Protein backbone atom coordinates (compact mmCIF):
# COMPACT_ATOMS: atom_id res chain seq x y z
CA MET A 1 -6.77 -24.88 -18.25
CA LEU A 2 -5.15 -23.63 -15.05
CA ALA A 3 -2.04 -22.52 -16.96
CA ILE A 4 -4.14 -20.41 -19.35
CA ASP A 5 -6.11 -18.91 -16.45
CA LEU A 6 -2.91 -18.04 -14.57
CA ALA A 7 -1.29 -16.56 -17.68
CA ALA A 8 -4.33 -14.35 -18.30
CA PHE A 9 -4.40 -13.33 -14.64
CA LEU A 10 -0.69 -12.44 -14.60
CA LEU A 11 -0.97 -10.50 -17.86
CA ALA A 12 -3.89 -8.53 -16.43
CA GLY A 13 -1.91 -7.80 -13.25
CA TYR A 14 1.15 -6.74 -15.22
CA LEU A 15 -0.88 -4.42 -17.46
CA ALA A 16 -2.68 -2.96 -14.43
CA LEU A 17 0.68 -2.12 -12.84
CA LEU A 18 1.85 -0.48 -16.07
CA ILE A 19 -1.31 1.64 -16.23
CA ARG A 20 -0.98 2.57 -12.55
CA ASP A 21 2.57 3.81 -13.09
CA ASN A 22 1.80 5.78 -16.28
CA PHE A 23 3.34 3.23 -18.66
CA ASP A 24 6.83 3.41 -17.16
CA PHE A 25 8.83 0.86 -19.19
CA SER A 26 12.15 1.23 -17.36
CA TYR A 27 14.23 -1.76 -16.27
CA ASN A 28 13.99 -0.73 -12.60
CA HIS A 29 10.22 -0.66 -12.88
CA PHE A 30 10.11 -4.17 -14.36
CA GLU A 31 12.47 -5.37 -11.66
CA SER A 32 10.30 -3.89 -8.89
CA MET A 33 7.20 -5.57 -10.35
CA GLY A 34 8.86 -9.00 -10.25
CA PRO A 35 8.05 -9.94 -6.65
CA TYR A 36 4.40 -8.89 -7.00
CA ILE A 37 3.95 -10.85 -10.22
CA GLY A 38 5.74 -13.86 -8.70
CA PHE A 39 3.68 -13.82 -5.52
CA SER A 40 0.51 -13.31 -7.60
CA PHE A 41 1.40 -16.45 -9.54
CA VAL A 42 1.92 -18.46 -6.35
CA ALA A 43 -1.28 -17.15 -4.76
CA GLY A 44 -3.27 -17.80 -7.95
CA LEU A 45 -1.81 -21.29 -8.21
CA LEU A 46 -3.01 -21.93 -4.67
CA PHE A 47 -6.42 -20.22 -4.59
CA PHE A 48 -7.78 -20.85 -8.10
CA PRO A 49 -7.98 -24.65 -7.71
CA ILE A 50 -9.22 -24.41 -4.12
CA LEU A 51 -12.16 -22.20 -5.11
CA GLY A 52 -12.74 -23.96 -8.44
CA ILE A 53 -12.01 -20.97 -10.67
CA ASN A 54 -11.52 -21.81 -14.36
CA ARG A 55 -12.47 -20.49 -17.79
CA SER A 56 -15.53 -22.74 -18.11
CA LEU A 57 -16.88 -21.16 -14.94
CA TRP A 58 -16.61 -17.71 -16.51
CA ARG A 59 -18.77 -18.82 -19.47
CA TYR A 60 -21.59 -20.42 -17.47
CA SER A 61 -21.85 -18.41 -14.31
CA THR A 62 -24.47 -17.78 -11.65
CA PHE A 63 -24.46 -15.39 -8.71
CA GLY A 64 -22.79 -17.98 -6.47
CA ASP A 65 -20.01 -18.34 -9.01
CA PHE A 66 -19.46 -14.58 -9.02
CA LEU A 67 -19.05 -14.73 -5.24
CA ARG A 68 -16.38 -17.42 -5.60
CA ILE A 69 -14.61 -15.43 -8.32
CA GLY A 70 -14.71 -12.31 -6.13
CA ALA A 71 -13.35 -14.27 -3.16
CA ALA A 72 -10.54 -15.75 -5.26
CA SER A 73 -9.62 -12.34 -6.66
CA LEU A 74 -9.58 -10.79 -3.20
CA LEU A 75 -7.49 -13.61 -1.73
CA VAL A 76 -4.97 -13.52 -4.57
CA VAL A 77 -4.54 -9.74 -4.45
CA LEU A 78 -4.27 -9.62 -0.65
CA ALA A 79 -1.82 -12.51 -0.50
CA ALA A 80 0.35 -11.10 -3.28
CA THR A 81 0.33 -7.59 -1.80
CA THR A 82 1.18 -8.83 1.69
CA LEU A 83 3.99 -11.09 0.51
CA THR A 84 5.40 -8.38 -1.75
CA PHE A 85 5.38 -5.89 1.12
CA ALA A 86 7.17 -8.36 3.35
CA PHE A 87 9.70 -9.17 0.62
CA ASN A 88 10.47 -5.53 -0.24
CA ARG A 89 10.25 -3.86 3.16
CA LEU A 90 11.51 -6.39 5.68
CA GLU A 91 14.81 -7.08 3.92
CA GLY A 92 16.12 -3.66 5.02
CA LEU A 93 14.73 -3.88 8.54
CA ALA A 94 18.05 -4.72 10.20
CA ARG A 95 19.62 -1.55 8.77
CA ALA A 96 16.90 0.58 10.37
CA ILE A 97 17.60 -0.80 13.87
CA PRO A 98 20.26 1.13 15.84
CA LEU A 99 22.18 -2.06 16.66
CA GLY A 100 22.36 -2.90 12.97
CA ARG A 101 20.96 -6.40 13.51
CA LEU A 102 17.85 -8.16 14.73
CA GLY A 103 17.71 -9.59 18.24
CA ARG A 104 19.09 -13.02 19.04
CA PRO A 105 17.93 -15.38 21.81
CA ASP A 106 21.04 -14.68 23.89
CA ASP A 107 20.09 -10.96 24.02
CA TYR A 108 16.99 -11.55 26.14
CA PRO A 109 18.46 -12.47 29.57
CA GLY A 110 20.55 -9.28 29.70
CA MET A 111 17.63 -7.17 28.55
CA ILE A 112 15.29 -8.66 31.16
CA ALA A 113 17.89 -8.22 33.91
CA PHE A 114 18.34 -4.57 32.92
CA LEU A 115 14.60 -3.88 32.87
CA LEU A 116 14.19 -5.42 36.32
CA SER A 117 17.12 -3.45 37.79
CA ASP A 118 17.02 0.00 39.40
CA GLU A 119 18.92 1.48 36.44
CA ALA A 120 15.86 1.04 34.23
CA GLY A 121 13.75 3.33 36.39
CA PHE A 122 13.75 6.11 33.79
CA VAL A 123 12.90 3.91 30.79
CA THR A 124 9.49 4.80 29.44
């Protein structure tokens, strides 16, 4: 049951992304959708069983069930969006830093000594 629910969820997400991007069927577009679809799968695999979301619930539902379905949908979309952002944006972070790399633990003593010295008087 969970496999069918996840497959339907991923298909809906994939089709929603195609509609959002005006049915762009290019290879680059499919490649850029990969992390979002992958993270959606992982988030759905985690949150659907926790909140008890399955196809039988959709058939016999009450208001409380709709709240659980809404919560699961929100959690899955937020988790997938956040993880996709981190995956796509943070990989190029080191290139955007003037040093060309992220800080290491051995960088901190020199930085602290400089900030405490008189030479750092003009640093704002």
